[in-house]
Amino acid sequence: MLGPTNPQPHQALADTQSCARAALCLLDGAAAAGFYDFDSLLAQLGI
């Protein structure tokens, strides 16, 4: 579970902030797992 939620659904700013929080949680988890090269991380994910 990522944790971030959007307490104000259907508001563009709140949606954007929730997406940003989720992205930061995912990147923080990747860094904690030893991924510091963003291009390498994307390649491993197949993106």
Protein backbone atom coordinates (compact mmCIF):
# COMPACT_ATOMS: atom_id res chain seq x y z
CA MET A 1 0.00 0.00 0.00
CA LEU A 2 1.43 3.34 -1.00
CA GLY A 3 -0.38 5.36 1.63
CA PRO A 4 -1.22 8.61 -0.16
CA THR A 5 -4.89 9.22 -0.75
CA ASN A 6 -6.88 12.03 -2.28
CA PRO A 7 -9.24 13.43 0.38
CA GLN A 8 -10.80 15.78 -2.19
CA PRO A 9 -11.64 13.71 -5.27
CA HIS A 10 -12.35 15.37 -8.60
CA GLN A 11 -10.28 18.45 -7.88
CA ALA A 12 -7.39 18.86 -10.31
CA LEU A 13 -4.91 20.18 -7.74
CA ALA A 14 -5.71 17.44 -5.22
CA ASP A 15 -5.47 14.78 -7.95
CA THR A 16 -2.10 16.13 -9.09
CA GLN A 17 -0.76 16.25 -5.55
CA SER A 18 -1.88 12.66 -4.91
CA CYS A 19 -0.18 11.47 -8.10
CA ALA A 20 3.01 13.30 -7.13
CA ARG A 21 2.97 11.75 -3.65
CA ALA A 22 2.50 8.28 -5.16
CA ALA A 23 5.39 8.83 -7.59
CA LEU A 24 7.65 9.98 -4.77
CA CYS A 25 6.70 6.94 -2.65
CA LEU A 26 7.56 4.63 -5.55
CA LEU A 27 10.86 6.39 -6.26
CA ASP A 28 11.75 6.40 -2.56
CA GLY A 29 11.10 2.65 -2.43
CA ALA A 30 13.24 2.11 -5.52
CA ALA A 31 16.08 4.14 -3.99
CA ALA A 32 15.79 2.18 -0.75
CA ALA A 33 16.15 -0.99 -2.82
CA GLY A 34 19.36 0.35 -4.35
CA PHE A 35 18.11 1.82 -7.63
CA TYR A 36 19.77 5.17 -8.20
CA ASP A 37 19.98 5.12 -11.99
CA PHE A 38 16.57 6.22 -13.29
CA ASP A 39 17.22 4.95 -16.83
CA SER A 40 18.22 1.54 -15.47
CA LEU A 41 15.10 1.44 -13.30
CA LEU A 42 12.87 2.25 -16.27
CA ALA A 43 14.61 -0.42 -18.35
CA GLN A 44 14.02 -3.05 -15.65
CA LEU A 45 10.37 -2.07 -15.56
CA GLY A 46 10.15 -2.37 -19.33
CA ILE A 47 9.29 1.29 -19.81
